[in-house]
C-alpha cells in the first residue's frame, strides 16, 4: 500500500486573519439573559443544585425575569456577578 503525498499551499496572512476573526467572534459572544440550562452549562452546576442553593438567594432572585407562566430568565451580567459573590462566601 502506498501513501499519498499531499501538499497544501496556504496563504499565511489569510489563515491568520481567519483565525483571528473566529477568535474575536468567540470572545465577543454576549449574553443578555440566560435560562437555567445555560446557567447550568456556564457554571457546571446541576439544575437541581442551582434551584436549591443558588436561585433562592435574594441576590440572584432580583435578576430573575418571567412573564406570567412562561420560562424564567436571568439578566446575565448581574446574575453572574451575584453568583461569584455567593461562591466567594463558600469555604
PDB file of N, CA and C in Angstrom:
ATOM      1  N   UNK A   1       0.853  -1.166   0.000  1.00  0.00           N
ATOM      2  CA  UNK A   1       0.000   0.000   0.000  1.00  0.00           C
ATOM      3  C   UNK A   1       0.903   1.235   0.000  1.00  0.00           C
ATOM      4  N   UNK A   2       0.611   2.144  -0.908  1.00  0.00           N
ATOM      5  CA  UNK A   2       1.399   3.373  -0.968  1.00  0.00           C
ATOM      6  C   UNK A   2       0.614   4.510  -0.348  1.00  0.00           C
ATOM      7  N   UNK A   3       1.339   5.370   0.272  1.00  0.00           N
ATOM      8  CA  UNK A   3       0.711   6.532   0.891  1.00  0.00           C
ATOM      9  C   UNK A   3       0.749   7.693  -0.085  1.00  0.00           C
ATOM     10  N   UNK A   4      -0.315   8.454  -0.085  1.00  0.00           N
ATOM     11  CA  UNK A   4      -0.380   9.617  -0.968  1.00  0.00           C
ATOM     12  C   UNK A   4       0.392  10.764  -0.338  1.00  0.00           C
ATOM     13  N   UNK A   5       1.061  11.496  -1.174  1.00  0.00           N
ATOM     14  CA  UNK A   5       1.782  12.687  -0.719  1.00  0.00           C
ATOM     15  C   UNK A   5       0.902  13.888  -1.049  1.00  0.00           C
ATOM     16  N   UNK A   6       0.460  14.571  -0.011  1.00  0.00           N
ATOM     17  CA  UNK A   6      -0.456  15.693  -0.206  1.00  0.00           C
ATOM     18  C   UNK A   6       0.251  16.981   0.183  1.00  0.00           C
ATOM     19  N   UNK A   7       0.136  17.972  -0.675  1.00  0.00           N
ATOM     20  CA  UNK A   7       0.696  19.296  -0.380  1.00  0.00           C
ATOM     21  C   UNK A   7      -0.432  20.302  -0.395  1.00  0.00           C
ATOM     22  N   UNK A   8      -0.403  21.174   0.576  1.00  0.00           N
ATOM     23  CA  UNK A   8      -1.410  22.232   0.652  1.00  0.00           C
ATOM     24  C   UNK A   8      -0.664  23.550   0.796  1.00  0.00           C
ATOM     25  N   UNK A   9      -0.947  24.447  -0.129  1.00  0.00           N
ATOM     26  CA  UNK A   9      -0.355  25.780  -0.036  1.00  0.00           C
ATOM     27  C   UNK A   9      -1.361  26.707   0.622  1.00  0.00           C
ATOM     28  N   UNK A  10      -0.935  27.347   1.688  1.00  0.00           N
ATOM     29  CA  UNK A  10      -1.816  28.251   2.418  1.00  0.00           C
ATOM     30  C   UNK A  10      -1.227  29.650   2.412  1.00  0.00           C
ATOM     31  N   UNK A  11      -2.106  30.597   2.257  1.00  0.00           N
ATOM     32  CA  UNK A  11      -1.695  31.985   2.401  1.00  0.00           C
ATOM     33  C   UNK A  11      -1.676  32.268   3.898  1.00  0.00           C
ATOM     34  N   UNK A  12      -0.490  32.463   4.435  1.00  0.00           N
ATOM     35  CA  UNK A  12      -0.338  32.602   5.885  1.00  0.00           C
ATOM     36  C   UNK A  12      -1.130  33.783   6.441  1.00  0.00           C
ATOM     37  N   UNK A  13      -1.140  34.894   5.738  1.00  0.00           N
ATOM     38  CA  UNK A  13      -1.872  36.073   6.209  1.00  0.00           C
ATOM     39  C   UNK A  13      -3.373  35.801   6.229  1.00  0.00           C
ATOM     40  N   UNK A  14      -3.894  35.178   5.178  1.00  0.00           N
ATOM     41  CA  UNK A  14      -5.324  34.856   5.139  1.00  0.00           C
ATOM     42  C   UNK A  14      -5.686  33.903   6.273  1.00  0.00           C
ATOM     43  N   UNK A  15      -4.847  32.924   6.498  1.00  0.00           N
ATOM     44  CA  UNK A  15      -5.101  31.959   7.561  1.00  0.00           C
ATOM     45  C   UNK A  15      -5.085  32.651   8.925  1.00  0.00           C
ATOM     46  N   UNK A  16      -4.098  33.497   9.161  1.00  0.00           N
ATOM     47  CA  UNK A  16      -4.009  34.230  10.423  1.00  0.00           C
ATOM     48  C   UNK A  16      -5.230  35.130  10.612  1.00  0.00           C
ATOM     49  N   UNK A  17      -5.643  35.833   9.547  1.00  0.00           N
ATOM     50  CA  UNK A  17      -6.822  36.703   9.625  1.00  0.00           C
ATOM     51  C   UNK A  17      -8.078  35.901   9.951  1.00  0.00           C
ATOM     52  N   UNK A  18      -8.214  34.733   9.327  1.00  0.00           N
ATOM     53  CA  UNK A  18      -9.376  33.882   9.567  1.00  0.00           C
ATOM     54  C   UNK A  18      -9.405  33.409  11.028  1.00  0.00           C
ATOM     55  N   UNK A  19      -8.266  32.974  11.528  1.00  0.00           N
ATOM     56  CA  UNK A  19      -8.189  32.506  12.917  1.00  0.00           C
ATOM     57  C   UNK A  19      -8.502  33.642  13.876  1.00  0.00           C
ATOM     58  N   UNK A  20      -7.942  34.811  13.632  1.00  0.00           N
ATOM     59  CA  UNK A  20      -8.219  35.968  14.493  1.00  0.00           C
ATOM     60  C   UNK A  20      -9.692  36.342  14.473  1.00  0.00           C
ATOM     61  N   UNK A  21     -10.309  36.272  13.304  1.00  0.00           N
ATOM     62  CA  UNK A  21     -11.735  36.595  13.191  1.00  0.00           C
ATOM     63  C   UNK A  21     -12.566  35.623  14.023  1.00  0.00           C
ATOM     64  N   UNK A  22     -12.267  34.335  13.915  1.00  0.00           N
ATOM     65  CA  UNK A  22     -13.014  33.324  14.670  1.00  0.00           C
ATOM     66  C   UNK A  22     -12.800  33.480  16.176  1.00  0.00           C
ATOM     67  N   UNK A  23     -11.595  33.817  16.576  1.00  0.00           N
ATOM     68  CA  UNK A  23     -11.327  34.027  17.999  1.00  0.00           C
ATOM     69  C   UNK A  23     -12.087  35.244  18.512  1.00  0.00           C
ATOM     70  N   UNK A  24     -12.119  36.309  17.732  1.00  0.00           N
ATOM     71  CA  UNK A  24     -12.868  37.508  18.122  1.00  0.00           C
ATOM     72  C   UNK A  24     -14.352  37.204  18.268  1.00  0.00           C
ATOM     73  N   UNK A  25     -14.890  36.404  17.348  1.00  0.00           N
ATOM     74  CA  UNK A  25     -16.309  36.040  17.427  1.00  0.00           C
ATOM     75  C   UNK A  25     -16.602  35.310  18.735  1.00  0.00           C
ATOM     76  N   UNK A  26     -15.727  34.408  19.122  1.00  0.00           N
ATOM     77  CA  UNK A  26     -15.928  33.660  20.361  1.00  0.00           C
ATOM     78  C   UNK A  26     -15.772  34.542  21.592  1.00  0.00           C
ATOM     79  N   UNK A  27     -14.797  35.428  21.565  1.00  0.00           N
ATOM     80  CA  UNK A  27     -14.550  36.292  22.718  1.00  0.00           C
ATOM     81  C   UNK A  27     -15.640  37.335  22.914  1.00  0.00           C
ATOM     82  N   UNK A  28     -16.288  37.716  21.845  1.00  0.00           N
ATOM     83  CA  UNK A  28     -17.282  38.778  21.934  1.00  0.00           C
ATOM     84  C   UNK A  28     -18.714  38.260  21.945  1.00  0.00           C
ATOM     85  N   UNK A  29     -18.868  36.975  22.209  1.00  0.00           N
ATOM     86  CA  UNK A  29     -20.206  36.418  22.323  1.00  0.00           C
ATOM     87  C   UNK A  29     -20.835  36.997  23.583  1.00  0.00           C
ATOM     88  N   UNK A  30     -21.963  37.647  23.405  1.00  0.00           N
ATOM     89  CA  UNK A  30     -22.588  38.356  24.522  1.00  0.00           C
ATOM     90  C   UNK A  30     -23.934  37.716  24.837  1.00  0.00           C
ATOM     91  N   UNK A  31     -24.158  37.503  26.113  1.00  0.00           N
ATOM     92  CA  UNK A  31     -25.462  37.039  26.570  1.00  0.00           C
ATOM     93  C   UNK A  31     -26.143  38.194  27.287  1.00  0.00           C
ATOM     94  N   UNK A  32     -27.387  38.441  26.950  1.00  0.00           N
ATOM     95  CA  UNK A  32     -28.172  39.449  27.675  1.00  0.00           C
ATOM     96  C   UNK A  32     -28.930  38.777  28.807  1.00  0.00           C
ATOM     97  N   UNK A  33     -29.481  37.614  28.496  1.00  0.00           N
ATOM     98  CA  UNK A  33     -30.179  36.821  29.508  1.00  0.00           C
ATOM     99  C   UNK A  33     -29.759  35.360  29.350  1.00  0.00           C
ATOM    100  N   UNK A  34     -29.964  34.604  30.418  1.00  0.00           N
ATOM    101  CA  UNK A  34     -29.702  33.170  30.367  1.00  0.00           C
ATOM    102  C   UNK A  34     -30.870  32.448  31.022  1.00  0.00           C
ATOM    103  N   UNK A  35     -31.130  31.239  30.542  1.00  0.00           N
ATOM    104  CA  UNK A  35     -32.132  30.403  31.198  1.00  0.00           C
ATOM    105  C   UNK A  35     -31.385  29.417  32.103  1.00  0.00           C
ATOM    106  N   UNK A  36     -32.124  28.574  32.769  1.00  0.00           N
ATOM    107  CA  UNK A  36     -31.477  27.666  33.726  1.00  0.00           C
ATOM    108  C   UNK A  36     -30.543  26.674  33.029  1.00  0.00           C
ATOM    109  N   UNK A  37     -30.865  26.290  31.805  1.00  0.00           N
ATOM    110  CA  UNK A  37     -29.995  25.364  31.079  1.00  0.00           C
ATOM    111  C   UNK A  37     -28.636  25.995  30.791  1.00  0.00           C
ATOM    112  N   UNK A  38     -28.642  27.239  30.317  1.00  0.00           N
ATOM    113  CA  UNK A  38     -27.392  27.943  30.032  1.00  0.00           C
ATOM    114  C   UNK A  38     -26.645  28.226  31.334  1.00  0.00           C
ATOM    115  N   UNK A  39     -27.380  28.581  32.388  1.00  0.00           N
ATOM    116  CA  UNK A  39     -26.777  28.835  33.702  1.00  0.00           C
ATOM    117  C   UNK A  39     -26.036  27.577  34.169  1.00  0.00           C
ATOM    118  N   UNK A  40     -26.684  26.439  34.027  1.00  0.00           N
ATOM    119  CA  UNK A  40     -26.082  25.170  34.415  1.00  0.00           C
ATOM    120  C   UNK A  40     -24.835  24.886  33.578  1.00  0.00           C
ATOM    121  N   UNK A  41     -24.936  25.125  32.290  1.00  0.00           N
ATOM    122  CA  UNK A  41     -23.805  24.895  31.386  1.00  0.00           C
ATOM    123  C   UNK A  41     -22.616  25.800  31.741  1.00  0.00           C
ATOM    124  N   UNK A  42     -22.892  27.065  32.009  1.00  0.00           N
ATOM    125  CA  UNK A  42     -21.821  28.025  32.291  1.00  0.00           C
ATOM    126  C   UNK A  42     -21.155  27.796  33.643  1.00  0.00           C
ATOM    127  N   UNK A  43     -21.921  27.334  34.617  1.00  0.00           N
ATOM    128  CA  UNK A  43     -21.379  27.176  35.971  1.00  0.00           C
ATOM    129  C   UNK A  43     -20.892  25.766  36.266  1.00  0.00           C
ATOM    130  N   UNK A  44     -21.361  24.800  35.494  1.00  0.00           N
ATOM    131  CA  UNK A  44     -21.003  23.413  35.772  1.00  0.00           C
ATOM    132  C   UNK A  44     -21.810  22.807  36.905  1.00  0.00           C
ATOM    133  N   UNK A  45     -22.809  23.534  37.385  1.00  0.00           N
ATOM    134  CA  UNK A  45     -23.674  23.024  38.457  1.00  0.00           C
ATOM    135  C   UNK A  45     -24.914  22.381  37.842  1.00  0.00           C
ATOM    136  N   UNK A  46     -25.426  21.387  38.528  1.00  0.00           N
ATOM    137  CA  UNK A  46     -26.658  20.768  38.054  1.00  0.00           C
ATOM    138  C   UNK A  46     -27.819  21.737  38.239  1.00  0.00           C
ATOM    139  N   UNK A  47     -28.862  21.516  37.477  1.00  0.00           N
ATOM    140  CA  UNK A  47     -30.047  22.377  37.600  1.00  0.00           C
ATOM    141  C   UNK A  47     -30.648  22.271  38.997  1.00  0.00           C
ATOM    142  N   UNK A  48     -30.631  21.077  39.575  1.00  0.00           N
ATOM    143  CA  UNK A  48     -31.217  20.930  40.917  1.00  0.00           C
ATOM    144  C   UNK A  48     -30.396  21.684  41.965  1.00  0.00           C
ATOM    145  N   UNK A  49     -29.075  21.672  41.844  1.00  0.00           N
ATOM    146  CA  UNK A  49     -28.242  22.445  42.774  1.00  0.00           C
ATOM    147  C   UNK A  49     -28.494  23.932  42.600  1.00  0.00           C
ATOM    148  N   UNK A  50     -28.586  24.369  41.362  1.00  0.00           N
ATOM    149  CA  UNK A  50     -28.893  25.783  41.125  1.00  0.00           C
ATOM    150  C   UNK A  50     -30.222  26.146  41.771  1.00  0.00           C
ATOM    151  N   UNK A  51     -31.237  25.315  41.533  1.00  0.00           N
ATOM    152  CA  UNK A  51     -32.573  25.584  42.080  1.00  0.00           C
ATOM    153  C   UNK A  51     -32.552  25.637  43.609  1.00  0.00           C
ATOM    154  N   UNK A  52     -31.891  24.677  44.225  1.00  0.00           N
ATOM    155  CA  UNK A  52     -31.935  24.545  45.683  1.00  0.00           C
ATOM    156  C   UNK A  52     -30.978  25.461  46.433  1.00  0.00           C
ATOM    157  N   UNK A  53     -29.889  25.845  45.809  1.00  0.00           N
ATOM    158  CA  UNK A  53     -28.864  26.594  46.525  1.00  0.00           C
ATOM    159  C   UNK A  53     -28.704  28.023  46.008  1.00  0.00           C
ATOM    160  N   UNK A  54     -28.602  28.179  44.716  1.00  0.00           N
ATOM    161  CA  UNK A  54     -28.234  29.478  44.142  1.00  0.00           C
ATOM    162  C   UNK A  54     -29.441  30.353  43.825  1.00  0.00           C
ATOM    163  N   UNK A  55     -30.414  29.811  43.137  1.00  0.00           N
ATOM    164  CA  UNK A  55     -31.525  30.634  42.635  1.00  0.00           C
ATOM    165  C   UNK A  55     -32.456  31.130  43.729  1.00  0.00           C
ATOM    166  N   UNK A  56     -32.364  30.550  44.914  1.00  0.00           N
ATOM    167  CA  UNK A  56     -33.194  31.008  46.032  1.00  0.00           C
ATOM    168  C   UNK A  56     -32.602  32.231  46.730  1.00  0.00           C
ATOM    169  N   UNK A  57     -31.343  32.491  46.467  1.00  0.00           N
ATOM    170  CA  UNK A  57     -30.658  33.615  47.106  1.00  0.00           C
ATOM    171  C   UNK A  57     -31.232  34.936  46.575  1.00  0.00           C
ATOM    172  N   UNK A  58     -31.576  35.873  47.455  1.00  0.00           N
ATOM    173  CA  UNK A  58     -32.163  37.153  47.029  1.00  0.00           C
ATOM    174  C   UNK A  58     -31.273  37.947  46.076  1.00  0.00           C
ATOM    175  N   UNK A  59     -29.957  37.734  46.179  1.00  0.00           N
ATOM    176  CA  UNK A  59     -29.037  38.433  45.277  1.00  0.00           C
ATOM    177  C   UNK A  59     -29.183  37.956  43.838  1.00  0.00           C
ATOM    178  N   UNK A  60     -29.647  36.724  43.665  1.00  0.00           N
ATOM    179  CA  UNK A  60     -29.903  36.180  42.329  1.00  0.00           C
ATOM    180  C   UNK A  60     -31.357  36.434  41.946  1.00  0.00           C
ATOM    181  N   UNK A  61     -32.243  36.216  42.892  1.00  0.00           N
ATOM    182  CA  UNK A  61     -33.690  36.338  42.657  1.00  0.00           C
ATOM    183  C   UNK A  61     -34.061  37.701  42.069  1.00  0.00           C
ATOM    184  N   UNK A  62     -33.371  38.750  42.479  1.00  0.00           N
ATOM    185  CA  UNK A  62     -33.707  40.087  41.990  1.00  0.00           C
ATOM    186  C   UNK A  62     -33.476  40.249  40.485  1.00  0.00           C
ATOM    187  N   UNK A  63     -32.688  39.369  39.891  1.00  0.00           N
ATOM    188  CA  UNK A  63     -32.403  39.467  38.455  1.00  0.00           C
ATOM    189  C   UNK A  63     -33.216  38.480  37.624  1.00  0.00           C
ATOM    190  N   UNK A  64     -34.120  37.772  38.270  1.00  0.00           N
ATOM    191  CA  UNK A  64     -34.989  36.830  37.562  1.00  0.00           C
ATOM    192  C   UNK A  64     -36.092  37.589  36.846  1.00  0.00           C
ATOM    193  N   UNK A  65     -36.371  37.187  35.612  1.00  0.00           N
ATOM    194  CA  UNK A  65     -37.442  37.790  34.824  1.00  0.00           C
ATOM    195  C   UNK A  65     -38.346  36.677  34.304  1.00  0.00           C
ATOM    196  N   UNK A  66     -39.645  36.922  34.404  1.00  0.00           N
ATOM    197  CA  UNK A  66     -40.612  35.909  33.978  1.00  0.00           C
ATOM    198  C   UNK A  66     -41.927  36.608  33.694  1.00  0.00           C
ATOM    199  N   UNK A  67     -42.574  36.241  32.619  1.00  0.00           N
ATOM    200  CA  UNK A  67     -43.879  36.799  32.303  1.00  0.00           C
ATOM    201  C   UNK A  67     -44.921  35.702  32.480  1.00  0.00           C
ATOM    202  N   UNK A  68     -45.850  35.965  33.368  1.00  0.00           N
ATOM    203  CA  UNK A  68     -46.917  35.005  33.681  1.00  0.00           C
ATOM    204  C   UNK A  68     -46.325  33.626  33.976  1.00  0.00           C
ATOM    205  N   UNK A  69     -46.750  32.635  33.210  1.00  0.00           N
ATOM    206  CA  UNK A  69     -46.282  31.264  33.463  1.00  0.00           C
ATOM    207  C   UNK A  69     -45.206  30.834  32.468  1.00  0.00           C
ATOM    208  N   UNK A  70     -44.520  31.774  31.918  1.00  0.00           N
ATOM    209  CA  UNK A  70     -43.501  31.440  30.923  1.00  0.00           C
ATOM    210  C   UNK A  70     -42.180  31.044  31.581  1.00  0.00           C
ATOM    211  N   UNK A  71     -41.243  30.747  30.758  1.00  0.00           N
ATOM    212  CA  UNK A  71     -39.911  30.345  31.191  1.00  0.00           C
ATOM    213  C   UNK A  71     -39.213  31.476  31.948  1.00  0.00           C
ATOM    214  N   UNK A  72     -38.387  31.113  32.920  1.00  0.00           N
ATOM    215  CA  UNK A  72     -37.637  32.110  33.689  1.00  0.00           C
ATOM    216  C   UNK A  72     -36.307  32.422  33.005  1.00  0.00           C
ATOM    217  N   UNK A  73     -35.924  33.682  33.078  1.00  0.00           N
ATOM    218  CA  UNK A  73     -34.638  34.140  32.570  1.00  0.00           C
ATOM    219  C   UNK A  73     -33.979  34.998  33.631  1.00  0.00           C
ATOM    220  N   UNK A  74     -32.656  35.080  33.573  1.00  0.00           N
ATOM    221  CA  UNK A  74     -31.907  35.937  34.490  1.00  0.00           C
ATOM    222  C   UNK A  74     -31.036  36.869  33.667  1.00  0.00           C
ATOM    223  N   UNK A  75     -30.913  38.108  34.136  1.00  0.00           N
ATOM    224  CA  UNK A  75     -30.030  39.063  33.478  1.00  0.00           C
ATOM    225  C   UNK A  75     -28.598  38.563  33.649  1.00  0.00           C
ATOM    226  N   UNK A  76     -27.927  38.361  32.559  1.00  0.00           N
ATOM    227  CA  UNK A  76     -26.652  37.640  32.572  1.00  0.00           C
ATOM    228  C   UNK A  76     -25.577  38.279  33.447  1.00  0.00           C
ATOM    229  N   UNK A  77     -25.174  39.500  33.119  1.00  0.00           N
ATOM    230  CA  UNK A  77     -24.026  40.095  33.820  1.00  0.00           C
ATOM    231  C   UNK A  77     -24.262  40.240  35.319  1.00  0.00           C
ATOM    232  N   UNK A  78     -25.421  40.756  35.682  1.00  0.00           N
ATOM    233  CA  UNK A  78     -25.723  40.970  37.094  1.00  0.00           C
ATOM    234  C   UNK A  78     -25.816  39.644  37.845  1.00  0.00           C
ATOM    235  N   UNK A  79     -26.429  38.668  37.208  1.00  0.00           N
ATOM    236  CA  UNK A  79     -26.586  37.354  37.834  1.00  0.00           C
ATOM    237  C   UNK A  79     -25.238  36.683  38.052  1.00  0.00           C
ATOM    238  N   UNK A  80     -24.364  36.760  37.058  1.00  0.00           N
ATOM    239  CA  UNK A  80     -23.061  36.122  37.195  1.00  0.00           C
ATOM    240  C   UNK A  80     -22.214  36.818  38.262  1.00  0.00           C
ATOM    241  N   UNK A  81     -22.351  38.118  38.375  1.00  0.00           N
ATOM    242  CA  UNK A  81     -21.629  38.838  39.427  1.00  0.00           C
ATOM    243  C   UNK A  81     -22.131  38.407  40.812  1.00  0.00           C
ATOM    244  N   UNK A  82     -23.452  38.312  40.958  1.00  0.00           N
ATOM    245  CA  UNK A  82     -24.029  37.861  42.227  1.00  0.00           C
ATOM    246  C   UNK A  82     -23.621  36.414  42.516  1.00  0.00           C
ATOM    247  N   UNK A  83     -23.612  35.587  41.497  1.00  0.00           N
ATOM    248  CA  UNK A  83     -23.204  34.187  41.630  1.00  0.00           C
ATOM    249  C   UNK A  83     -21.770  34.099  42.172  1.00  0.00           C
ATOM    250  N   UNK A  84     -20.880  34.899  41.624  1.00  0.00           N
ATOM    251  CA  UNK A  84     -19.491  34.895  42.093  1.00  0.00           C
ATOM    252  C   UNK A  84     -19.389  35.371  43.537  1.00  0.00           C
ATOM    253  N   UNK A  85     -20.212  36.339  43.906  1.00  0.00           N
ATOM    254  CA  UNK A  85     -20.232  36.802  45.300  1.00  0.00           C
ATOM    255  C   UNK A  85     -20.671  35.686  46.246  1.00  0.00           C
ATOM    256  N   UNK A  86     -21.657  34.921  45.814  1.00  0.00           N
ATOM    257  CA  UNK A  86     -22.130  33.785  46.617  1.00  0.00           C
ATOM    258  C   UNK A  86     -21.014  32.753  46.768  1.00  0.00           C
ATOM    259  N   UNK A  87     -20.343  32.439  45.672  1.00  0.00           N
ATOM    260  CA  UNK A  87     -19.260  31.450  45.732  1.00  0.00           C
ATOM    261  C   UNK A  87     -18.114  31.920  46.620  1.00  0.00           C
ATOM    262  N   UNK A  88     -17.859  33.217  46.622  1.00  0.00           N
ATOM    263  CA  UNK A  88     -16.785  33.758  47.465  1.00  0.00           C
ATOM    264  C   UNK A  88     -17.051  33.534  48.951  1.00  0.00           C
ATOM    265  N   UNK A  89     -18.315  33.376  49.319  1.00  0.00           N
ATOM    266  CA  UNK A  89     -18.671  33.144  50.721  1.00  0.00           C
ATOM    267  C   UNK A  89     -18.471  31.690  51.143  1.00  0.00           C
ATOM    268  N   UNK A  90     -18.370  30.797  50.182  1.00  0.00           N
ATOM    269  CA  UNK A  90     -18.173  29.391  50.489  1.00  0.00           C
ATOM    270  C   UNK A  90     -16.730  29.159  50.932  1.00  0.00           C
ATOM    271  N   UNK A  91     -16.534  28.165  51.733  1.00  0.00           N
ATOM    272  CA  UNK A  91     -15.172  27.841  52.198  1.00  0.00           C
ATOM    273  C   UNK A  91     -14.453  26.979  51.206  1.00  0.00           C
TER     274      UNK A  91
END
